[in-house]
Amino acid sequence: MTDQKFCGKYRIDSARYQNWDYGNPGAYFVTIVTKNRDHFLGKIIDDQMKLSEIGKIVHKYWQEIPRNFPFIRLDEMVVMPNHIHGILWIERDDDNK
């Protein structure tokens, strides 16, 4: 099925396991990459990541996920120049889906 809004332009094949409900409780490793892998999120200077304003916003909103989704517990997260990695835990009973 083609995404009508973007005419398939941003569509990639899913790497997800088709027989898994990703709303199930458990730990999930999340990676989000910037368009064209552009370095929007900051720069590495002297072996330290220096966040851009956009990178600071990304970090802030990651930290706010549990405020909007109280069944989510955040684990480690890192912002890189062109992507983020994070681990989050879905912690809820099946009755609370």
PDB file of N, CA and C in Angstrom:
ATOM      1  N   MET A   1       0.846  -1.185   0.000  1.00  0.00           N
ATOM      2  CA  MET A   1       0.000   0.000   0.000  1.00  0.00           C
ATOM      3  C   MET A   1       0.885   1.239   0.000  1.00  0.00           C
ATOM      4  N   THR A   2       0.628   2.175  -0.866  1.00  0.00           N
ATOM      5  CA  THR A   2       1.416   3.394  -0.991  1.00  0.00           C
ATOM      6  C   THR A   2       0.872   4.477  -0.078  1.00  0.00           C
ATOM      7  N   ASP A   3       1.778   5.204   0.543  1.00  0.00           N
ATOM      8  CA  ASP A   3       1.415   6.338   1.391  1.00  0.00           C
ATOM      9  C   ASP A   3       0.923   7.459   0.474  1.00  0.00           C
ATOM     10  N   GLN A   4      -0.367   7.776   0.529  1.00  0.00           N
ATOM     11  CA  GLN A   4      -0.954   8.768  -0.368  1.00  0.00           C
ATOM     12  C   GLN A   4      -0.416  10.174  -0.128  1.00  0.00           C
ATOM     13  N   LYS A   5      -0.180  10.521   1.131  1.00  0.00           N
ATOM     14  CA  LYS A   5       0.248  11.875   1.452  1.00  0.00           C
ATOM     15  C   LYS A   5       1.598  12.210   0.815  1.00  0.00           C
ATOM     16  N   PHE A   6       2.537  11.265   0.856  1.00  0.00           N
ATOM     17  CA  PHE A   6       3.869  11.535   0.324  1.00  0.00           C
ATOM     18  C   PHE A   6       4.164  10.732  -0.941  1.00  0.00           C
ATOM     19  N   CYS A   7       3.135  10.100  -1.496  1.00  0.00           N
ATOM     20  CA  CYS A   7       3.250   9.335  -2.746  1.00  0.00           C
ATOM     21  C   CYS A   7       4.384   8.313  -2.698  1.00  0.00           C
ATOM     22  N   GLY A   8       4.597   7.705  -1.531  1.00  0.00           N
ATOM     23  CA  GLY A   8       5.621   6.677  -1.401  1.00  0.00           C
ATOM     24  C   GLY A   8       7.038   7.211  -1.322  1.00  0.00           C
ATOM     25  N   LYS A   9       7.224   8.518  -1.343  1.00  0.00           N
ATOM     26  CA  LYS A   9       8.565   9.111  -1.382  1.00  0.00           C
ATOM     27  C   LYS A   9       9.404   8.735  -0.168  1.00  0.00           C
ATOM     28  N   TYR A  10       8.810   8.654   1.015  1.00  0.00           N
ATOM     29  CA  TYR A  10       9.556   8.388   2.236  1.00  0.00           C
ATOM     30  C   TYR A  10       9.372   6.971   2.723  1.00  0.00           C
ATOM     31  N   ARG A  11       8.850   6.125   1.895  1.00  0.00           N
ATOM     32  CA  ARG A  11       8.535   4.750   2.280  1.00  0.00           C
ATOM     33  C   ARG A  11       9.744   3.859   2.090  1.00  0.00           C
ATOM     34  N   ILE A  12      10.092   3.119   3.139  1.00  0.00           N
ATOM     35  CA  ILE A  12      11.130   2.106   3.041  1.00  0.00           C
ATOM     36  C   ILE A  12      10.545   0.797   3.547  1.00  0.00           C
ATOM     37  N   ASP A  13      11.138  -0.315   3.137  1.00  0.00           N
ATOM     38  CA  ASP A  13      10.680  -1.607   3.640  1.00  0.00           C
ATOM     39  C   ASP A  13      10.930  -1.674   5.134  1.00  0.00           C
ATOM     40  N   SER A  14       9.990  -2.222   5.840  1.00  0.00           N
ATOM     41  CA  SER A  14      10.081  -2.328   7.286  1.00  0.00           C
ATOM     42  C   SER A  14      11.053  -3.427   7.684  1.00  0.00           C
ATOM     43  N   ALA A  15      11.857  -3.144   8.707  1.00  0.00           N
ATOM     44  CA  ALA A  15      12.755  -4.147   9.276  1.00  0.00           C
ATOM     45  C   ALA A  15      12.086  -4.853  10.456  1.00  0.00           C
ATOM     46  N   ARG A  16      10.845  -4.492  10.731  1.00  0.00           N
ATOM     47  CA  ARG A  16      10.137  -5.071  11.866  1.00  0.00           C
ATOM     48  C   ARG A  16       9.735  -6.514  11.586  1.00  0.00           C
ATOM     49  N   TYR A  17       9.727  -7.295  12.663  1.00  0.00           N
ATOM     50  CA  TYR A  17       9.222  -8.657  12.591  1.00  0.00           C
ATOM     51  C   TYR A  17       7.711  -8.580  12.488  1.00  0.00           C
ATOM     52  N   GLN A  18       7.158  -9.099  11.426  1.00  0.00           N
ATOM     53  CA  GLN A  18       5.738  -8.939  11.124  1.00  0.00           C
ATOM     54  C   GLN A  18       4.809  -9.628  12.122  1.00  0.00           C
ATOM     55  N   ASN A  19       5.297 -10.644  12.824  1.00  0.00           N
ATOM     56  CA  ASN A  19       4.446 -11.400  13.740  1.00  0.00           C
ATOM     57  C   ASN A  19       4.573 -10.935  15.188  1.00  0.00           C
ATOM     58  N   TRP A  20       5.086  -9.757  15.423  1.00  0.00           N
ATOM     59  CA  TRP A  20       5.258  -9.233  16.779  1.00  0.00           C
ATOM     60  C   TRP A  20       4.415  -7.982  16.965  1.00  0.00           C
ATOM     61  N   ASP A  21       3.752  -7.888  18.102  1.00  0.00           N
ATOM     62  CA  ASP A  21       2.985  -6.692  18.459  1.00  0.00           C
ATOM     63  C   ASP A  21       3.923  -5.771  19.237  1.00  0.00           C
ATOM     64  N   TYR A  22       4.352  -4.698  18.625  1.00  0.00           N
ATOM     65  CA  TYR A  22       5.316  -3.789  19.240  1.00  0.00           C
ATOM     66  C   TYR A  22       4.705  -2.936  20.347  1.00  0.00           C
ATOM     67  N   GLY A  23       3.465  -3.184  20.696  1.00  0.00           N
ATOM     68  CA  GLY A  23       2.862  -2.588  21.869  1.00  0.00           C
ATOM     69  C   GLY A  23       3.030  -3.476  23.094  1.00  0.00           C
ATOM     70  N   ASN A  24       3.583  -4.678  22.887  1.00  0.00           N
ATOM     71  CA  ASN A  24       3.796  -5.613  23.997  1.00  0.00           C
ATOM     72  C   ASN A  24       4.831  -5.059  24.965  1.00  0.00           C
ATOM     73  N   PRO A  25       4.696  -5.392  26.247  1.00  0.00           N
ATOM     74  CA  PRO A  25       5.715  -5.003  27.221  1.00  0.00           C
ATOM     75  C   PRO A  25       7.082  -5.566  26.827  1.00  0.00           C
ATOM     76  N   GLY A  26       8.114  -4.803  27.130  1.00  0.00           N
ATOM     77  CA  GLY A  26       9.476  -5.235  26.839  1.00  0.00           C
ATOM     78  C   GLY A  26      10.371  -4.051  26.569  1.00  0.00           C
ATOM     79  N   ALA A  27      11.639  -4.339  26.336  1.00  0.00           N
ATOM     80  CA  ALA A  27      12.632  -3.312  26.014  1.00  0.00           C
ATOM     81  C   ALA A  27      12.738  -3.192  24.497  1.00  0.00           C
ATOM     82  N   TYR A  28      12.827  -1.952  24.019  1.00  0.00           N
ATOM     83  CA  TYR A  28      12.923  -1.698  22.585  1.00  0.00           C
ATOM     84  C   TYR A  28      14.085  -0.749  22.319  1.00  0.00           C
ATOM     85  N   PHE A  29      14.920  -1.103  21.350  1.00  0.00           N
ATOM     86  CA  PHE A  29      16.031  -0.269  20.922  1.00  0.00           C
ATOM     87  C   PHE A  29      15.542   0.548  19.728  1.00  0.00           C
ATOM     88  N   VAL A  30      15.619   1.859  19.846  1.00  0.00           N
ATOM     89  CA  VAL A  30      15.082   2.765  18.837  1.00  0.00           C
ATOM     90  C   VAL A  30      16.227   3.547  18.203  1.00  0.00           C
ATOM     91  N   THR A  31      16.231   3.633  16.886  1.00  0.00           N
ATOM     92  CA  THR A  31      17.180   4.481  16.162  1.00  0.00           C
ATOM     93  C   THR A  31      16.372   5.372  15.238  1.00  0.00           C
ATOM     94  N   ILE A  32      16.660   6.657  15.269  1.00  0.00           N
ATOM     95  CA  ILE A  32      16.024   7.617  14.362  1.00  0.00           C
ATOM     96  C   ILE A  32      17.143   8.371  13.661  1.00  0.00           C
ATOM     97  N   VAL A  33      17.095   8.387  12.338  1.00  0.00           N
ATOM     98  CA  VAL A  33      18.147   9.005  11.524  1.00  0.00           C
ATOM     99  C   VAL A  33      17.587  10.237  10.818  1.00  0.00           C
ATOM    100  N   THR A  34      18.404  11.279  10.717  1.00  0.00           N
ATOM    101  CA  THR A  34      17.987  12.498  10.036  1.00  0.00           C
ATOM    102  C   THR A  34      17.904  12.274   8.524  1.00  0.00           C
ATOM    103  N   LYS A  35      17.112  13.088   7.871  1.00  0.00           N
ATOM    104  CA  LYS A  35      16.977  13.012   6.423  1.00  0.00           C
ATOM    105  C   LYS A  35      18.342  13.241   5.774  1.00  0.00           C
ATOM    106  N   ASN A  36      18.671  12.402   4.838  1.00  0.00           N
ATOM    107  CA  ASN A  36      19.946  12.451   4.112  1.00  0.00           C
ATOM    108  C   ASN A  36      21.157  12.324   5.027  1.00  0.00           C
ATOM    109  N   ARG A  37      20.903  11.895   6.265  1.00  0.00           N
ATOM    110  CA  ARG A  37      21.965  11.743   7.265  1.00  0.00           C
ATOM    111  C   ARG A  37      22.716  13.056   7.527  1.00  0.00           C
ATOM    112  N   ASP A  38      22.004  14.159   7.306  1.00  0.00           N
ATOM    113  CA  ASP A  38      22.595  15.476   7.576  1.00  0.00           C
ATOM    114  C   ASP A  38      22.834  15.647   9.068  1.00  0.00           C
ATOM    115  N   HIS A  39      23.875  16.372   9.406  1.00  0.00           N
ATOM    116  CA  HIS A  39      24.276  16.566  10.808  1.00  0.00           C
ATOM    117  C   HIS A  39      23.508  17.731  11.431  1.00  0.00           C
ATOM    118  N   PHE A  40      22.211  17.532  11.611  1.00  0.00           N
ATOM    119  CA  PHE A  40      21.343  18.555  12.204  1.00  0.00           C
ATOM    120  C   PHE A  40      21.446  18.611  13.726  1.00  0.00           C
ATOM    121  N   LEU A  41      21.851  17.511  14.344  1.00  0.00           N
ATOM    122  CA  LEU A  41      21.697  17.388  15.788  1.00  0.00           C
ATOM    123  C   LEU A  41      22.900  17.861  16.592  1.00  0.00           C
ATOM    124  N   GLY A  42      24.007  18.147  15.920  1.00  0.00           N
ATOM    125  CA  GLY A  42      25.176  18.663  16.622  1.00  0.00           C
ATOM    126  C   GLY A  42      26.465  18.249  15.940  1.00  0.00           C
ATOM    127  N   LYS A  43      27.562  18.473  16.661  1.00  0.00           N
ATOM    128  CA  LYS A  43      28.897  18.162  16.149  1.00  0.00           C
ATOM    129  C   LYS A  43      29.714  17.513  17.254  1.00  0.00           C
ATOM    130  N   ILE A  44      30.670  16.704  16.830  1.00  0.00           N
ATOM    131  CA  ILE A  44      31.624  16.152  17.785  1.00  0.00           C
ATOM    132  C   ILE A  44      32.849  17.052  17.765  1.00  0.00           C
ATOM    133  N   ILE A  45      33.137  17.654  18.919  1.00  0.00           N
ATOM    134  CA  ILE A  45      34.271  18.565  19.061  1.00  0.00           C
ATOM    135  C   ILE A  45      35.101  18.072  20.244  1.00  0.00           C
ATOM    136  N   ASP A  46      36.393  17.854  20.013  1.00  0.00           N
ATOM    137  CA  ASP A  46      37.284  17.344  21.062  1.00  0.00           C
ATOM    138  C   ASP A  46      36.708  16.086  21.717  1.00  0.00           C
ATOM    139  N   ASP A  47      36.240  15.180  20.884  1.00  0.00           N
ATOM    140  CA  ASP A  47      35.684  13.892  21.333  1.00  0.00           C
ATOM    141  C   ASP A  47      34.437  14.027  22.210  1.00  0.00           C
ATOM    142  N   GLN A  48      33.783  15.163  22.175  1.00  0.00           N
ATOM    143  CA  GLN A  48      32.560  15.388  22.938  1.00  0.00           C
ATOM    144  C   GLN A  48      31.442  15.808  21.984  1.00  0.00           C
ATOM    145  N   MET A  49      30.257  15.287  22.218  1.00  0.00           N
ATOM    146  CA  MET A  49      29.106  15.669  21.411  1.00  0.00           C
ATOM    147  C   MET A  49      28.593  17.017  21.895  1.00  0.00           C
ATOM    148  N   LYS A  50      28.543  17.978  20.997  1.00  0.00           N
ATOM    149  CA  LYS A  50      27.994  19.307  21.289  1.00  0.00           C
ATOM    150  C   LYS A  50      26.680  19.422  20.536  1.00  0.00           C
ATOM    151  N   LEU A  51      25.578  19.435  21.284  1.00  0.00           N
ATOM    152  CA  LEU A  51      24.257  19.459  20.663  1.00  0.00           C
ATOM    153  C   LEU A  51      23.963  20.811  20.031  1.00  0.00           C
ATOM    154  N   SER A  52      23.352  20.771  18.861  1.00  0.00           N
ATOM    155  CA  SER A  52      22.810  21.980  18.237  1.00  0.00           C
ATOM    156  C   SER A  52      21.496  22.299  18.943  1.00  0.00           C
ATOM    157  N   GLU A  53      20.870  23.389  18.573  1.00  0.00           N
ATOM    158  CA  GLU A  53      19.562  23.710  19.163  1.00  0.00           C
ATOM    159  C   GLU A  53      18.557  22.600  18.863  1.00  0.00           C
ATOM    160  N   ILE A  54      18.601  22.074  17.650  1.00  0.00           N
ATOM    161  CA  ILE A  54      17.698  20.968  17.295  1.00  0.00           C
ATOM    162  C   ILE A  54      18.035  19.731  18.127  1.00  0.00           C
ATOM    163  N   GLY A  55      19.316  19.456  18.319  1.00  0.00           N
ATOM    164  CA  GLY A  55      19.731  18.325  19.149  1.00  0.00           C
ATOM    165  C   GLY A  55      19.248  18.459  20.578  1.00  0.00           C
ATOM    166  N   LYS A  56      19.277  19.683  21.107  1.00  0.00           N
ATOM    167  CA  LYS A  56      18.779  19.924  22.465  1.00  0.00           C
ATOM    168  C   LYS A  56      17.272  19.669  22.542  1.00  0.00           C
ATOM    169  N   ILE A  57      16.557  20.040  21.493  1.00  0.00           N
ATOM    170  CA  ILE A  57      15.109  19.792  21.451  1.00  0.00           C
ATOM    171  C   ILE A  57      14.832  18.291  21.414  1.00  0.00           C
ATOM    172  N   VAL A  58      15.592  17.565  20.587  1.00  0.00           N
ATOM    173  CA  VAL A  58      15.430  16.107  20.508  1.00  0.00           C
ATOM    174  C   VAL A  58      15.645  15.486  21.883  1.00  0.00           C
ATOM    175  N   HIS A  59      16.718  15.882  22.544  1.00  0.00           N
ATOM    176  CA  HIS A  59      17.016  15.344  23.874  1.00  0.00           C
ATOM    177  C   HIS A  59      15.899  15.672  24.855  1.00  0.00           C
ATOM    178  N   LYS A  60      15.431  16.896  24.846  1.00  0.00           N
ATOM    179  CA  LYS A  60      14.355  17.332  25.745  1.00  0.00           C
ATOM    180  C   LYS A  60      13.087  16.500  25.537  1.00  0.00           C
ATOM    181  N   TYR A  61      12.686  16.342  24.277  1.00  0.00           N
ATOM    182  CA  TYR A  61      11.444  15.619  24.023  1.00  0.00           C
ATOM    183  C   TYR A  61      11.573  14.130  24.282  1.00  0.00           C
ATOM    184  N   TRP A  62      12.754  13.563  24.122  1.00  0.00           N
ATOM    185  CA  TRP A  62      12.946  12.163  24.510  1.00  0.00           C
ATOM    186  C   TRP A  62      12.675  12.020  26.005  1.00  0.00           C
ATOM    187  N   GLN A  63      13.213  12.940  26.796  1.00  0.00           N
ATOM    188  CA  GLN A  63      13.038  12.886  28.247  1.00  0.00           C
ATOM    189  C   GLN A  63      11.571  13.053  28.656  1.00  0.00           C
ATOM    190  N   GLU A  64      10.781  13.687  27.811  1.00  0.00           N
ATOM    191  CA  GLU A  64       9.373  13.932  28.123  1.00  0.00           C
ATOM    192  C   GLU A  64       8.431  12.794  27.709  1.00  0.00           C
ATOM    193  N   ILE A  65       8.950  11.783  27.048  1.00  0.00           N
ATOM    194  CA  ILE A  65       8.092  10.676  26.599  1.00  0.00           C
ATOM    195  C   ILE A  65       7.252  10.100  27.743  1.00  0.00           C
ATOM    196  N   PRO A  66       7.835   9.817  28.928  1.00  0.00           N
ATOM    197  CA  PRO A  66       7.010   9.225  30.000  1.00  0.00           C
ATOM    198  C   PRO A  66       5.910  10.142  30.509  1.00  0.00           C
ATOM    199  N   ARG A  67       6.050  11.434  30.313  1.00  0.00           N
ATOM    200  CA  ARG A  67       4.987  12.347  30.735  1.00  0.00           C
ATOM    201  C   ARG A  67       3.723  12.122  29.906  1.00  0.00           C
ATOM    202  N   ASN A  68       3.908  11.814  28.636  1.00  0.00           N
ATOM    203  CA  ASN A  68       2.779  11.572  27.736  1.00  0.00           C
ATOM    204  C   ASN A  68       2.369  10.104  27.689  1.00  0.00           C
ATOM    205  N   PHE A  69       3.292   9.238  28.014  1.00  0.00           N
ATOM    206  CA  PHE A  69       3.045   7.797  27.988  1.00  0.00           C
ATOM    207  C   PHE A  69       3.576   7.213  29.294  1.00  0.00           C
ATOM    208  N   PRO A  70       2.784   7.258  30.369  1.00  0.00           N
ATOM    209  CA  PRO A  70       3.274   6.868  31.688  1.00  0.00           C
ATOM    210  C   PRO A  70       3.709   5.406  31.799  1.00  0.00           C
ATOM    211  N   PHE A  71       3.346   4.578  30.830  1.00  0.00           N
ATOM    212  CA  PHE A  71       3.749   3.176  30.838  1.00  0.00           C
ATOM    213  C   PHE A  71       5.113   2.970  30.185  1.00  0.00           C
ATOM    214  N   ILE A  72       5.777   4.060  29.788  1.00  0.00           N
ATOM    215  CA  ILE A  72       7.114   3.990  29.185  1.00  0.00           C
ATOM    216  C   ILE A  72       8.153   4.383  30.229  1.00  0.00           C
ATOM    217  N   ARG A  73       9.187   3.549  30.352  1.00  0.00           N
ATOM    218  CA  ARG A  73      10.341   3.879  31.182  1.00  0.00           C
ATOM    219  C   ARG A  73      11.547   4.023  30.260  1.00  0.00           C
ATOM    220  N   LEU A  74      12.251   5.129  30.381  1.00  0.00           N
ATOM    221  CA  LEU A  74      13.406   5.376  29.536  1.00  0.00           C
ATOM    222  C   LEU A  74      14.647   4.742  30.124  1.00  0.00           C
ATOM    223  N   ASP A  75      15.490   4.271  29.250  1.00  0.00           N
ATOM    224  CA  ASP A  75      16.782   3.727  29.630  1.00  0.00           C
ATOM    225  C   ASP A  75      17.830   4.637  28.990  1.00  0.00           C
ATOM    226  N   GLU A  76      18.908   4.090  28.523  1.00  0.00           N
ATOM    227  CA  GLU A  76      19.975   4.884  27.921  1.00  0.00           C
ATOM    228  C   GLU A  76      19.528   5.540  26.619  1.00  0.00           C
ATOM    229  N   MET A  77      20.128   6.685  26.328  1.00  0.00           N
ATOM    230  CA  MET A  77      19.848   7.415  25.082  1.00  0.00           C
ATOM    231  C   MET A  77      21.074   8.234  24.728  1.00  0.00           C
ATOM    232  N   VAL A  78      21.360   8.318  23.451  1.00  0.00           N
ATOM    233  CA  VAL A  78      22.477   9.135  22.994  1.00  0.00           C
ATOM    234  C   VAL A  78      22.065   9.860  21.713  1.00  0.00           C
ATOM    235  N   VAL A  79      22.448  11.127  21.636  1.00  0.00           N
ATOM    236  CA  VAL A  79      22.221  11.923  20.433  1.00  0.00           C
ATOM    237  C   VAL A  79      23.561  12.022  19.713  1.00  0.00           C
ATOM    238  N   MET A  80      23.574  11.650  18.451  1.00  0.00           N
ATOM    239  CA  MET A  80      24.758  11.757  17.603  1.00  0.00           C
ATOM    240  C   MET A  80      24.478  12.838  16.554  1.00  0.00           C
ATOM    241  N   PRO A  81      25.482  13.229  15.778  1.00  0.00           N
ATOM    242  CA  PRO A  81      25.252  14.328  14.825  1.00  0.00           C
ATOM    243  C   PRO A  81      24.087  14.106  13.856  1.00  0.00           C
ATOM    244  N   ASN A  82      23.866  12.854  13.440  1.00  0.00           N
ATOM    245  CA  ASN A  82      22.822  12.620  12.444  1.00  0.00           C
ATOM    246  C   ASN A  82      21.814  11.539  12.836  1.00  0.00           C
ATOM    247  N   HIS A  83      21.846  11.111  14.088  1.00  0.00           N
ATOM    248  CA  HIS A  83      20.885  10.099  14.534  1.00  0.00           C
ATOM    249  C   HIS A  83      20.837  10.056  16.056  1.00  0.00           C
ATOM    250  N   ILE A  84      19.807   9.379  16.547  1.00  0.00           N
ATOM    251  CA  ILE A  84      19.735   9.097  17.977  1.00  0.00           C
ATOM    252  C   ILE A  84      19.534   7.597  18.159  1.00  0.00           C
ATOM    253  N   HIS A  85      20.027   7.111  19.287  1.00  0.00           N
ATOM    254  CA  HIS A  85      19.768   5.751  19.725  1.00  0.00           C
ATOM    255  C   HIS A  85      19.161   5.855  21.111  1.00  0.00           C
ATOM    256  N   GLY A  86      18.192   5.027  21.379  1.00  0.00           N
ATOM    257  CA  GLY A  86      17.619   5.001  22.714  1.00  0.00           C
ATOM    258  C   GLY A  86      17.003   3.654  23.007  1.00  0.00           C
ATOM    259  N   ILE A  87      16.940   3.358  24.283  1.00  0.00           N
ATOM    260  CA  ILE A  87      16.264   2.153  24.743  1.00  0.00           C
ATOM    261  C   ILE A  87      15.102   2.600  25.613  1.00  0.00           C
ATOM    262  N   LEU A  88      13.946   2.073  25.313  1.00  0.00           N
ATOM    263  CA  LEU A  88      12.794   2.355  26.164  1.00  0.00           C
ATOM    264  C   LEU A  88      12.102   1.055  26.506  1.00  0.00           C
ATOM    265  N   TRP A  89      11.427   1.094  27.636  1.00  0.00           N
ATOM    266  CA  TRP A  89      10.715  -0.071  28.146  1.00  0.00           C
ATOM    267  C   TRP A  89       9.224   0.223  28.155  1.00  0.00           C
ATOM    268  N   ILE A  90       8.462  -0.673  27.591  1.00  0.00           N
ATOM    269  CA  ILE A  90       7.010  -0.613  27.734  1.00  0.00           C
ATOM    270  C   ILE A  90       6.677  -1.481  28.941  1.00  0.00           C
ATOM    271  N   GLU A  91       6.106  -0.852  29.951  1.00  0.00           N
ATOM    272  CA  GLU A  91       5.792  -1.550  31.198  1.00  0.00           C
ATOM    273  C   GLU A  91       4.321  -1.356  31.524  1.00  0.00           C
ATOM    274  N   ARG A  92       3.522  -2.230  31.003  1.00  0.00           N
ATOM    275  CA  ARG A  92       2.081  -2.179  31.296  1.00  0.00           C
ATOM    276  C   ARG A  92       1.510  -3.574  31.170  1.00  0.00           C
ATOM    277  N   ASP A  93       0.390  -3.754  31.815  1.00  0.00           N
ATOM    278  CA  ASP A  93      -0.340  -5.012  31.699  1.00  0.00           C
ATOM    279  C   ASP A  93      -1.052  -5.030  30.364  1.00  0.00           C
ATOM    280  N   ASP A  94      -1.298  -6.195  29.836  1.00  0.00           N
ATOM    281  CA  ASP A  94      -2.026  -6.305  28.576  1.00  0.00           C
ATOM    282  C   ASP A  94      -3.395  -5.657  28.652  1.00  0.00           C
ATOM    283  N   ASP A  95      -3.961  -5.551  29.871  1.00  0.00           N
ATOM    284  CA  ASP A  95      -5.272  -4.929  30.041  1.00  0.00           C
ATOM    285  C   ASP A  95      -5.234  -3.426  29.779  1.00  0.00           C
ATOM    286  N   ASN A  96      -4.050  -2.825  29.807  1.00  0.00           N
ATOM    287  CA  ASN A  96      -3.916  -1.370  29.675  1.00  0.00           C
ATOM    288  C   ASN A  96      -3.498  -0.930  28.283  1.00  0.00           C
ATOM    289  N   LYS A  97      -3.661  -1.748  27.275  1.00  0.00           N
ATOM    290  CA  LYS A  97      -3.273  -1.382  25.907  1.00  0.00           C
ATOM    291  C   LYS A  97      -4.164  -0.297  25.364  1.00  0.00           C
TER     292      LYS A  97
END
